[in-house]
All heavy atoms as atom14 arrays in JSON, in Angstrom:
{
  "sequence": "THPDCIERYQRTLSLASPSFTETPVPALIKERANKILIWNMFDNLNL",
  "atom14_mask": [
    [1, 1, 1, 1, 1, 1, 1, 0, 0, 0, 0, 0, 0, 0],
    [1, 1, 1, 1, 1, 1, 1, 1, 1, 1, 0, 0, 0, 0],
    [1, 1, 1, 1, 1, 1, 1, 0, 0, 0, 0, 0, 0, 0],
    [1, 1, 1, 1, 1, 1, 1, 1, 0, 0, 0, 0, 0, 0],
    [1, 1, 1, 1, 1, 1, 0, 0, 0, 0, 0, 0, 0, 0],
    [1, 1, 1, 1, 1, 1, 1, 1, 0, 0, 0, 0, 0, 0],
    [1, 1, 1, 1, 1, 1, 1, 1, 1, 0, 0, 0, 0, 0],
    [1, 1, 1, 1, 1, 1, 1, 1, 1, 1, 1, 0, 0, 0],
    [1, 1, 1, 1, 1, 1, 1, 1, 1, 1, 1, 1, 0, 0],
    [1, 1, 1, 1, 1, 1, 1, 1, 1, 0, 0, 0, 0, 0],
    [1, 1, 1, 1, 1, 1, 1, 1, 1, 1, 1, 0, 0, 0],
    [1, 1, 1, 1, 1, 1, 1, 0, 0, 0, 0, 0, 0, 0],
    [1, 1, 1, 1, 1, 1, 1, 1, 0, 0, 0, 0, 0, 0],
    [1, 1, 1, 1, 1, 1, 0, 0, 0, 0, 0, 0, 0, 0],
    [1, 1, 1, 1, 1, 1, 1, 1, 0, 0, 0, 0, 0, 0],
    [1, 1, 1, 1, 1, 0, 0, 0, 0, 0, 0, 0, 0, 0],
    [1, 1, 1, 1, 1, 1, 0, 0, 0, 0, 0, 0, 0, 0],
    [1, 1, 1, 1, 1, 1, 1, 0, 0, 0, 0, 0, 0, 0],
    [1, 1, 1, 1, 1, 1, 0, 0, 0, 0, 0, 0, 0, 0],
    [1, 1, 1, 1, 1, 1, 1, 1, 1, 1, 1, 0, 0, 0],
    [1, 1, 1, 1, 1, 1, 1, 0, 0, 0, 0, 0, 0, 0],
    [1, 1, 1, 1, 1, 1, 1, 1, 1, 0, 0, 0, 0, 0],
    [1, 1, 1, 1, 1, 1, 1, 0, 0, 0, 0, 0, 0, 0],
    [1, 1, 1, 1, 1, 1, 1, 0, 0, 0, 0, 0, 0, 0],
    [1, 1, 1, 1, 1, 1, 1, 0, 0, 0, 0, 0, 0, 0],
    [1, 1, 1, 1, 1, 1, 1, 0, 0, 0, 0, 0, 0, 0],
    [1, 1, 1, 1, 1, 0, 0, 0, 0, 0, 0, 0, 0, 0],
    [1, 1, 1, 1, 1, 1, 1, 1, 0, 0, 0, 0, 0, 0],
    [1, 1, 1, 1, 1, 1, 1, 1, 0, 0, 0, 0, 0, 0],
    [1, 1, 1, 1, 1, 1, 1, 1, 1, 0, 0, 0, 0, 0],
    [1, 1, 1, 1, 1, 1, 1, 1, 1, 0, 0, 0, 0, 0],
    [1, 1, 1, 1, 1, 1, 1, 1, 1, 1, 1, 0, 0, 0],
    [1, 1, 1, 1, 1, 0, 0, 0, 0, 0, 0, 0, 0, 0],
    [1, 1, 1, 1, 1, 1, 1, 1, 0, 0, 0, 0, 0, 0],
    [1, 1, 1, 1, 1, 1, 1, 1, 1, 0, 0, 0, 0, 0],
    [1, 1, 1, 1, 1, 1, 1, 1, 0, 0, 0, 0, 0, 0],
    [1, 1, 1, 1, 1, 1, 1, 1, 0, 0, 0, 0, 0, 0],
    [1, 1, 1, 1, 1, 1, 1, 1, 0, 0, 0, 0, 0, 0],
    [1, 1, 1, 1, 1, 1, 1, 1, 1, 1, 1, 1, 1, 1],
    [1, 1, 1, 1, 1, 1, 1, 1, 0, 0, 0, 0, 0, 0],
    [1, 1, 1, 1, 1, 1, 1, 1, 0, 0, 0, 0, 0, 0],
    [1, 1, 1, 1, 1, 1, 1, 1, 1, 1, 1, 0, 0, 0],
    [1, 1, 1, 1, 1, 1, 1, 1, 0, 0, 0, 0, 0, 0],
    [1, 1, 1, 1, 1, 1, 1, 1, 0, 0, 0, 0, 0, 0],
    [1, 1, 1, 1, 1, 1, 1, 1, 0, 0, 0, 0, 0, 0],
    [1, 1, 1, 1, 1, 1, 1, 1, 0, 0, 0, 0, 0, 0],
    [1, 1, 1, 1, 1, 1, 1, 1, 0, 0, 0, 0, 0, 0]
  ],
  "atom14_positions": [
    [[-8.94, -2.4, 5.75], [-7.9, -2.47, 6.76], [-8.04, -1.35, 7.78], [-7.33, -1.32, 8.76], [-6.49, -2.39, 6.13], [-6.35, -1.12, 5.45], [-6.27, -3.5, 5.14], [0.0, 0.0, 0.0], [0.0, 0.0, 0.0], [0.0, 0.0, 0.0], [0.0, 0.0, 0.0], [0.0, 0.0, 0.0], [0.0, 0.0, 0.0], [0.0, 0.0, 0.0]],
    [[-8.95, -0.44, 7.53], [-9.29, 0.55, 8.53], [-10.09, -0.15, 9.62], [-10.29, -1.37, 9.56], [-10.09, 1.68, 7.89], [-9.26, 2.52, 6.95], [-9.79, 3.54, 6.21], [-7.94, 2.48, 6.64], [-8.84, 4.11, 5.49], [-7.71, 3.47, 5.74], [0.0, 0.0, 0.0], [0.0, 0.0, 0.0], [0.0, 0.0, 0.0], [0.0, 0.0, 0.0]],
    [[-10.6, 0.56, 10.65], [-11.31, -0.14, 11.74], [-12.4, -1.06, 11.22], [-12.92, -0.88, 10.13], [-11.89, 1.02, 12.55], [-10.95, 2.13, 12.32], [-10.49, 1.99, 10.9], [0.0, 0.0, 0.0], [0.0, 0.0, 0.0], [0.0, 0.0, 0.0], [0.0, 0.0, 0.0], [0.0, 0.0, 0.0], [0.0, 0.0, 0.0], [0.0, 0.0, 0.0]],
    [[-12.74, -2.02, 12.05], [-13.71, -3.05, 11.71], [-14.94, -2.44, 11.05], [-15.55, -1.51, 11.55], [-14.1, -3.79, 12.99], [-15.12, -4.85, 12.72], [-14.74, -5.94, 12.25], [-16.32, -4.6, 12.95], [0.0, 0.0, 0.0], [0.0, 0.0, 0.0], [0.0, 0.0, 0.0], [0.0, 0.0, 0.0], [0.0, 0.0, 0.0], [0.0, 0.0, 0.0]],
    [[-15.32, -3.01, 9.9], [-16.41, -2.43, 9.11], [-17.75, -2.47, 9.83], [-18.54, -1.52, 9.74], [-16.5, -3.17, 7.78], [-15.06, -2.92, 6.72], [0.0, 0.0, 0.0], [0.0, 0.0, 0.0], [0.0, 0.0, 0.0], [0.0, 0.0, 0.0], [0.0, 0.0, 0.0], [0.0, 0.0, 0.0], [0.0, 0.0, 0.0], [0.0, 0.0, 0.0]],
    [[-18.02, -3.56, 10.54], [-19.29, -3.66, 11.27], [-19.34, -2.63, 12.39], [-20.37, -1.98, 12.63], [-19.48, -5.09, 11.82], [-19.59, -6.08, 10.66], [-20.71, -5.17, 12.72], [-19.67, -7.53, 11.07], [0.0, 0.0, 0.0], [0.0, 0.0, 0.0], [0.0, 0.0, 0.0], [0.0, 0.0, 0.0], [0.0, 0.0, 0.0], [0.0, 0.0, 0.0]],
    [[-18.19, -2.45, 13.04], [-18.1, -1.44, 14.1], [-18.36, -0.05, 13.53], [-19.07, 0.77, 14.13], [-16.72, -1.51, 14.75], [-16.45, -0.46, 15.8], [-14.99, -0.46, 16.24], [-14.4, -1.55, 16.32], [-14.45, 0.63, 16.47], [0.0, 0.0, 0.0], [0.0, 0.0, 0.0], [0.0, 0.0, 0.0], [0.0, 0.0, 0.0], [0.0, 0.0, 0.0]],
    [[-17.79, 0.22, 12.37], [-17.97, 1.53, 11.73], [-19.44, 1.72, 11.33], [-19.98, 2.83, 11.45], [-17.07, 1.64, 10.51], [-15.6, 1.6, 10.84], [-14.75, 1.43, 9.61], [-14.49, 2.7, 8.93], [-13.82, 2.78, 7.79], [-13.36, 1.69, 7.2], [-13.61, 3.96, 7.24], [0.0, 0.0, 0.0], [0.0, 0.0, 0.0], [0.0, 0.0, 0.0]],
    [[-20.06, 0.66, 10.84], [-21.48, 0.72, 10.48], [-22.34, 1.05, 11.69], [-23.19, 1.95, 11.65], [-21.89, -0.61, 9.87], [-23.39, -0.8, 9.74], [-24.11, -0.16, 8.74], [-24.08, -1.64, 10.62], [-25.48, -0.32, 8.62], [-25.45, -1.81, 10.5], [-26.15, -1.16, 9.51], [-27.5, -1.32, 9.39], [0.0, 0.0, 0.0], [0.0, 0.0, 0.0]],
    [[-22.12, 0.34, 12.78], [-22.93, 0.55, 13.97], [-22.71, 1.93, 14.57], [-23.66, 2.56, 15.07], [-22.62, -0.55, 15.01], [-23.05, -1.94, 14.56], [-22.58, -3.03, 15.48], [-21.62, -2.86, 16.24], [-23.24, -4.19, 15.41], [0.0, 0.0, 0.0], [0.0, 0.0, 0.0], [0.0, 0.0, 0.0], [0.0, 0.0, 0.0], [0.0, 0.0, 0.0]],
    [[-21.48, 2.42, 14.52], [-21.15, 3.71, 15.11], [-21.8, 4.86, 14.34], [-22.09, 5.92, 14.91], [-19.64, 3.89, 15.15], [-19.17, 5.08, 15.97], [-17.66, 5.16, 16.08], [-17.02, 5.31, 14.79], [-16.23, 4.4, 14.23], [-15.99, 3.25, 14.84], [-15.67, 4.62, 13.05], [0.0, 0.0, 0.0], [0.0, 0.0, 0.0], [0.0, 0.0, 0.0]],
    [[-21.99, 4.68, 13.04], [-22.5, 5.78, 12.21], [-23.96, 5.59, 11.8], [-24.48, 6.38, 11.02], [-21.64, 5.91, 10.94], [-21.69, 4.67, 10.2], [-20.2, 6.23, 11.29], [0.0, 0.0, 0.0], [0.0, 0.0, 0.0], [0.0, 0.0, 0.0], [0.0, 0.0, 0.0], [0.0, 0.0, 0.0], [0.0, 0.0, 0.0], [0.0, 0.0, 0.0]],
    [[-24.61, 4.58, 12.32], [-25.98, 4.25, 11.91], [-26.93, 5.42, 12.12], [-27.8, 5.7, 11.28], [-26.46, 3.02, 12.68], [-27.69, 2.29, 12.15], [-27.48, 1.88, 10.69], [-27.97, 1.05, 12.99], [0.0, 0.0, 0.0], [0.0, 0.0, 0.0], [0.0, 0.0, 0.0], [0.0, 0.0, 0.0], [0.0, 0.0, 0.0], [0.0, 0.0, 0.0]],
    [[-26.77, 6.13, 13.22], [-27.69, 7.23, 13.53], [-27.45, 8.45, 12.63], [-28.26, 9.39, 12.63], [-27.52, 7.66, 14.99], [-26.2, 8.13, 15.23], [0.0, 0.0, 0.0], [0.0, 0.0, 0.0], [0.0, 0.0, 0.0], [0.0, 0.0, 0.0], [0.0, 0.0, 0.0], [0.0, 0.0, 0.0], [0.0, 0.0, 0.0], [0.0, 0.0, 0.0]],
    [[-26.36, 8.45, 11.87], [-26.02, 9.6, 11.03], [-26.47, 9.43, 9.58], [-26.15, 10.27, 8.73], [-24.5, 9.84, 11.08], [-23.9, 10.07, 12.47], [-22.37, 10.14, 12.38], [-24.46, 11.34, 13.09], [0.0, 0.0, 0.0], [0.0, 0.0, 0.0], [0.0, 0.0, 0.0], [0.0, 0.0, 0.0], [0.0, 0.0, 0.0], [0.0, 0.0, 0.0]],
    [[-27.19, 8.35, 9.31], [-27.62, 8.06, 7.94], [-28.51, 9.18, 7.4], [-29.31, 9.77, 8.13], [-28.36, 6.74, 7.89], [0.0, 0.0, 0.0], [0.0, 0.0, 0.0], [0.0, 0.0, 0.0], [0.0, 0.0, 0.0], [0.0, 0.0, 0.0], [0.0, 0.0, 0.0], [0.0, 0.0, 0.0], [0.0, 0.0, 0.0], [0.0, 0.0, 0.0]],
    [[-28.37, 9.47, 6.12], [-29.25, 10.44, 5.46], [-30.65, 9.85, 5.35], [-30.82, 8.62, 5.31], [-28.71, 10.77, 4.07], [-27.42, 11.33, 4.14], [0.0, 0.0, 0.0], [0.0, 0.0, 0.0], [0.0, 0.0, 0.0], [0.0, 0.0, 0.0], [0.0, 0.0, 0.0], [0.0, 0.0, 0.0], [0.0, 0.0, 0.0], [0.0, 0.0, 0.0]],
    [[-31.66, 10.71, 5.31], [-33.02, 10.2, 5.06], [-33.07, 9.46, 3.74], [-32.13, 9.53, 2.94], [-33.86, 11.49, 5.02], [-33.04, 12.52, 5.71], [-31.61, 12.17, 5.45], [0.0, 0.0, 0.0], [0.0, 0.0, 0.0], [0.0, 0.0, 0.0], [0.0, 0.0, 0.0], [0.0, 0.0, 0.0], [0.0, 0.0, 0.0], [0.0, 0.0, 0.0]],
    [[-34.16, 8.8, 3.49], [-34.3, 7.99, 2.27], [-33.87, 8.78, 1.04], [-34.28, 9.92, 0.83], [-35.76, 7.56, 2.11], [-35.92, 6.81, 0.94], [0.0, 0.0, 0.0], [0.0, 0.0, 0.0], [0.0, 0.0, 0.0], [0.0, 0.0, 0.0], [0.0, 0.0, 0.0], [0.0, 0.0, 0.0], [0.0, 0.0, 0.0], [0.0, 0.0, 0.0]],
    [[-32.99, 8.17, 0.25], [-32.5, 8.85, -0.95], [-32.23, 7.82, -2.03], [-32.12, 6.62, -1.75], [-31.24, 9.67, -0.65], [-30.01, 8.83, -0.37], [-29.09, 8.55, -1.38], [-29.76, 8.31, 0.9], [-27.95, 7.79, -1.13], [-28.63, 7.55, 1.16], [-27.73, 7.29, 0.14], [0.0, 0.0, 0.0], [0.0, 0.0, 0.0], [0.0, 0.0, 0.0]],
    [[-32.11, 8.28, -3.25], [-31.79, 7.41, -4.38], [-30.32, 7.57, -4.73], [-29.85, 8.69, -4.95], [-32.65, 7.76, -5.61], [-34.03, 7.62, -5.27], [-32.31, 6.87, -6.79], [0.0, 0.0, 0.0], [0.0, 0.0, 0.0], [0.0, 0.0, 0.0], [0.0, 0.0, 0.0], [0.0, 0.0, 0.0], [0.0, 0.0, 0.0], [0.0, 0.0, 0.0]],
    [[-29.61, 6.46, -4.75], [-28.18, 6.51, -5.07], [-27.95, 6.96, -6.51], [-28.79, 6.73, -7.38], [-27.54, 5.13, -4.86], [-27.39, 4.71, -3.42], [-26.64, 3.41, -3.3], [-26.83, 2.54, -4.18], [-25.87, 3.27, -2.35], [0.0, 0.0, 0.0], [0.0, 0.0, 0.0], [0.0, 0.0, 0.0], [0.0, 0.0, 0.0], [0.0, 0.0, 0.0]],
    [[-26.79, 7.54, -6.73], [-26.37, 7.93, -8.08], [-25.36, 6.89, -8.57], [-24.24, 6.84, -8.06], [-25.71, 9.31, -8.07], [-26.54, 10.23, -7.36], [-25.48, 9.79, -9.5], [0.0, 0.0, 0.0], [0.0, 0.0, 0.0], [0.0, 0.0, 0.0], [0.0, 0.0, 0.0], [0.0, 0.0, 0.0], [0.0, 0.0, 0.0], [0.0, 0.0, 0.0]],
    [[-25.73, 6.03, -9.51], [-24.8, 4.99, -9.96], [-23.53, 5.59, -10.55], [-23.57, 6.65, -11.17], [-25.6, 4.22, -11.03], [-27.02, 4.57, -10.78], [-27.02, 5.96, -10.23], [0.0, 0.0, 0.0], [0.0, 0.0, 0.0], [0.0, 0.0, 0.0], [0.0, 0.0, 0.0], [0.0, 0.0, 0.0], [0.0, 0.0, 0.0], [0.0, 0.0, 0.0]],
    [[-22.41, 4.9, -10.36], [-21.18, 5.29, -11.05], [-21.4, 5.03, -12.53], [-21.82, 3.93, -12.92], [-19.97, 4.47, -10.53], [-18.7, 4.9, -11.27], [-19.81, 4.64, -9.03], [0.0, 0.0, 0.0], [0.0, 0.0, 0.0], [0.0, 0.0, 0.0], [0.0, 0.0, 0.0], [0.0, 0.0, 0.0], [0.0, 0.0, 0.0], [0.0, 0.0, 0.0]],
    [[-21.17, 6.03, -13.4], [-21.42, 5.83, -14.84], [-20.68, 4.59, -15.37], [-19.53, 4.33, -15.0], [-20.87, 7.11, -15.48], [-20.98, 8.13, -14.39], [-20.7, 7.4, -13.11], [0.0, 0.0, 0.0], [0.0, 0.0, 0.0], [0.0, 0.0, 0.0], [0.0, 0.0, 0.0], [0.0, 0.0, 0.0], [0.0, 0.0, 0.0], [0.0, 0.0, 0.0]],
    [[-21.36, 3.86, -16.23], [-20.77, 2.63, -16.79], [-19.44, 2.92, -17.49], [-18.5, 2.13, -17.43], [-21.75, 1.97, -17.75], [0.0, 0.0, 0.0], [0.0, 0.0, 0.0], [0.0, 0.0, 0.0], [0.0, 0.0, 0.0], [0.0, 0.0, 0.0], [0.0, 0.0, 0.0], [0.0, 0.0, 0.0], [0.0, 0.0, 0.0], [0.0, 0.0, 0.0]],
    [[-19.36, 4.07, -18.17], [-18.14, 4.42, -18.88], [-16.97, 4.59, -17.91], [-15.84, 4.17, -18.2], [-18.34, 5.71, -19.68], [-17.13, 6.21, -20.47], [-16.72, 5.2, -21.53], [-17.43, 7.56, -21.11], [0.0, 0.0, 0.0], [0.0, 0.0, 0.0], [0.0, 0.0, 0.0], [0.0, 0.0, 0.0], [0.0, 0.0, 0.0], [0.0, 0.0, 0.0]],
    [[-17.23, 5.19, -16.75], [-16.17, 5.41, -15.75], [-15.7, 4.07, -15.19], [-14.5, 3.81, -15.08], [-16.68, 6.32, -14.62], [-17.06, 7.7, -15.16], [-15.66, 6.44, -13.51], [-15.92, 8.46, -15.79], [0.0, 0.0, 0.0], [0.0, 0.0, 0.0], [0.0, 0.0, 0.0], [0.0, 0.0, 0.0], [0.0, 0.0, 0.0], [0.0, 0.0, 0.0]],
    [[-16.64, 3.19, -14.86], [-16.27, 1.87, -14.35], [-15.47, 1.08, -15.38], [-14.49, 0.4, -15.07], [-17.53, 1.09, -13.94], [-18.02, 1.37, -12.53], [-19.15, 0.42, -12.18], [-19.54, 0.52, -10.73], [-18.59, -0.12, -9.83], [0.0, 0.0, 0.0], [0.0, 0.0, 0.0], [0.0, 0.0, 0.0], [0.0, 0.0, 0.0], [0.0, 0.0, 0.0]],
    [[-15.93, 1.16, -16.65], [-15.27, 0.4, -17.71], [-13.83, 0.87, -17.9], [-12.9, 0.07, -18.04], [-16.06, 0.56, -19.02], [-15.51, -0.21, -20.19], [-15.88, -1.69, -20.18], [-16.49, -2.13, -19.18], [-15.57, -2.39, -21.14], [0.0, 0.0, 0.0], [0.0, 0.0, 0.0], [0.0, 0.0, 0.0], [0.0, 0.0, 0.0], [0.0, 0.0, 0.0]],
    [[-13.64, 2.18, -17.9], [-12.3, 2.72, -18.09], [-11.39, 2.32, -16.92], [-10.24, 1.92, -17.12], [-12.35, 4.24, -18.24], [-13.05, 4.71, -19.49], [-13.04, 6.22, -19.62], [-11.73, 6.7, -20.05], [-11.37, 6.82, -21.32], [-12.2, 6.47, -22.29], [-10.18, 7.28, -21.63], [0.0, 0.0, 0.0], [0.0, 0.0, 0.0], [0.0, 0.0, 0.0]],
    [[-11.91, 2.42, -15.7], [-11.11, 2.03, -14.53], [-10.75, 0.56, -14.58], [-9.62, 0.16, -14.25], [-11.88, 2.36, -13.25], [0.0, 0.0, 0.0], [0.0, 0.0, 0.0], [0.0, 0.0, 0.0], [0.0, 0.0, 0.0], [0.0, 0.0, 0.0], [0.0, 0.0, 0.0], [0.0, 0.0, 0.0], [0.0, 0.0, 0.0], [0.0, 0.0, 0.0]],
    [[-11.7, -0.27, -15.02], [-11.46, -1.7, -15.1], [-10.39, -2.03, -16.13], [-9.49, -2.84, -15.89], [-12.76, -2.43, -15.45], [-12.68, -3.92, -15.19], [-12.31, -4.35, -14.1], [-13.01, -4.71, -16.19], [0.0, 0.0, 0.0], [0.0, 0.0, 0.0], [0.0, 0.0, 0.0], [0.0, 0.0, 0.0], [0.0, 0.0, 0.0], [0.0, 0.0, 0.0]],
    [[-10.45, -1.38, -17.28], [-9.44, -1.61, -18.32], [-8.06, -1.12, -17.87], [-7.04, -1.75, -18.16], [-9.85, -0.91, -19.61], [-11.01, -1.6, -20.34], [-11.35, -0.87, -21.63], [-12.43, -1.6, -22.41], [-12.77, -0.91, -23.67], [0.0, 0.0, 0.0], [0.0, 0.0, 0.0], [0.0, 0.0, 0.0], [0.0, 0.0, 0.0], [0.0, 0.0, 0.0]],
    [[-8.05, 0.0, -17.17], [-6.78, 0.55, -16.69], [-6.09, -0.44, -15.76], [-4.89, -0.71, -15.88], [-7.01, 1.91, -15.99], [-7.25, 3.0, -17.05], [-5.82, 2.29, -15.1], [-7.73, 4.32, -16.47], [0.0, 0.0, 0.0], [0.0, 0.0, 0.0], [0.0, 0.0, 0.0], [0.0, 0.0, 0.0], [0.0, 0.0, 0.0], [0.0, 0.0, 0.0]],
    [[-6.83, -0.99, -14.79], [-6.18, -1.9, -13.84], [-5.86, -3.25, -14.48], [-4.86, -3.89, -14.13], [-7.01, -2.05, -12.57], [-8.41, -2.67, -12.61], [-8.34, -4.19, -12.51], [-9.25, -2.13, -11.45], [0.0, 0.0, 0.0], [0.0, 0.0, 0.0], [0.0, 0.0, 0.0], [0.0, 0.0, 0.0], [0.0, 0.0, 0.0], [0.0, 0.0, 0.0]],
    [[-6.68, -3.71, -15.44], [-6.38, -4.96, -16.14], [-5.11, -4.82, -16.97], [-4.23, -5.69, -16.95], [-7.58, -5.4, -17.02], [-8.68, -6.0, -16.14], [-7.15, -6.41, -18.08], [-9.95, -6.37, -16.88], [0.0, 0.0, 0.0], [0.0, 0.0, 0.0], [0.0, 0.0, 0.0], [0.0, 0.0, 0.0], [0.0, 0.0, 0.0], [0.0, 0.0, 0.0]],
    [[-4.99, -3.7, -17.7], [-3.77, -3.5, -18.48], [-2.56, -3.41, -17.55], [-1.5, -3.96, -17.85], [-3.87, -2.24, -19.33], [-2.55, -1.9, -19.95], [-1.66, -0.95, -19.54], [-1.91, -2.59, -21.03], [-0.52, -0.97, -20.3], [-0.65, -1.97, -21.23], [-2.28, -3.64, -21.87], [0.23, -2.38, -22.23], [-1.39, -4.05, -22.86], [-0.16, -3.43, -23.03]],
    [[-2.71, -2.72, -16.42], [-1.6, -2.57, -15.48], [-1.17, -3.93, -14.93], [0.02, -4.2, -14.76], [-2.02, -1.65, -14.34], [-0.86, -1.27, -13.44], [0.2, -0.88, -13.9], [-1.07, -1.4, -12.14], [0.0, 0.0, 0.0], [0.0, 0.0, 0.0], [0.0, 0.0, 0.0], [0.0, 0.0, 0.0], [0.0, 0.0, 0.0], [0.0, 0.0, 0.0]],
    [[-2.14, -4.81, -14.65], [-1.82, -6.16, -14.2], [-1.04, -6.93, -15.25], [-0.06, -7.62, -14.94], [-3.1, -6.93, -13.87], [-3.75, -6.54, -12.56], [-5.27, -7.48, -12.32], [-5.56, -7.15, -10.59], [0.0, 0.0, 0.0], [0.0, 0.0, 0.0], [0.0, 0.0, 0.0], [0.0, 0.0, 0.0], [0.0, 0.0, 0.0], [0.0, 0.0, 0.0]],
    [[-1.47, -6.8, -16.5], [-0.76, -7.49, -17.58], [0.67, -6.97, -17.69], [1.62, -7.75, -17.77], [-1.49, -7.3, -18.91], [-0.67, -7.69, -20.11], [-0.43, -9.02, -20.4], [-0.1, -6.72, -20.93], [0.35, -9.4, -21.49], [0.68, -7.08, -22.02], [0.9, -8.42, -22.3], [0.0, 0.0, 0.0], [0.0, 0.0, 0.0], [0.0, 0.0, 0.0]],
    [[0.83, -5.66, -17.7], [2.16, -5.09, -17.88], [3.08, -5.43, -16.72], [4.29, -5.51, -16.89], [2.05, -3.57, -18.04], [3.34, -2.95, -18.52], [3.76, -3.27, -19.64], [3.94, -2.15, -17.76], [0.0, 0.0, 0.0], [0.0, 0.0, 0.0], [0.0, 0.0, 0.0], [0.0, 0.0, 0.0], [0.0, 0.0, 0.0], [0.0, 0.0, 0.0]],
    [[2.5, -5.66, -15.54], [3.28, -6.05, -14.37], [3.4, -7.56, -14.21], [3.89, -8.05, -13.18], [2.68, -5.45, -13.1], [2.88, -3.96, -13.01], [3.89, -3.43, -13.46], [1.91, -3.25, -12.46], [0.0, 0.0, 0.0], [0.0, 0.0, 0.0], [0.0, 0.0, 0.0], [0.0, 0.0, 0.0], [0.0, 0.0, 0.0], [0.0, 0.0, 0.0]],
    [[2.94, -8.31, -15.21], [3.01, -9.78, -15.2], [2.34, -10.4, -13.99], [2.88, -11.28, -13.33], [4.46, -10.26, -15.31], [5.1, -10.2, -16.69], [6.51, -10.78, -16.65], [4.27, -10.92, -17.74], [0.0, 0.0, 0.0], [0.0, 0.0, 0.0], [0.0, 0.0, 0.0], [0.0, 0.0, 0.0], [0.0, 0.0, 0.0], [0.0, 0.0, 0.0]],
    [[1.13, -9.93, -13.71], [0.28, -10.57, -12.71], [-0.87, -11.22, -13.49], [-2.01, -10.78, -13.47], [-0.24, -9.54, -11.71], [-0.91, -10.19, -10.52], [-0.95, -11.41, -10.38], [-1.45, -9.36, -9.64], [0.0, 0.0, 0.0], [0.0, 0.0, 0.0], [0.0, 0.0, 0.0], [0.0, 0.0, 0.0], [0.0, 0.0, 0.0], [0.0, 0.0, 0.0]],
    [[-0.53, -12.31, -14.2], [-1.38, -12.77, -15.29], [-2.62, -13.53, -14.86], [-3.64, -13.46, -15.54], [-0.54, -13.62, -16.26], [0.62, -12.87, -16.94], [1.3, -13.76, -17.96], [0.14, -11.57, -17.6], [0.0, 0.0, 0.0], [0.0, 0.0, 0.0], [0.0, 0.0, 0.0], [0.0, 0.0, 0.0], [0.0, 0.0, 0.0], [0.0, 0.0, 0.0]]
  ]
}
């Protein structure tokens, strides 16, 4: 909902870092976040 994503991409294209290897989000962190929001949905009856 912030400014148009394509516009933001084009505006910042020249500021990209040189070639690099991404650091994946640890699986444990993703799993915990996923369970947290799933439980919250259940408790709020968004089934």
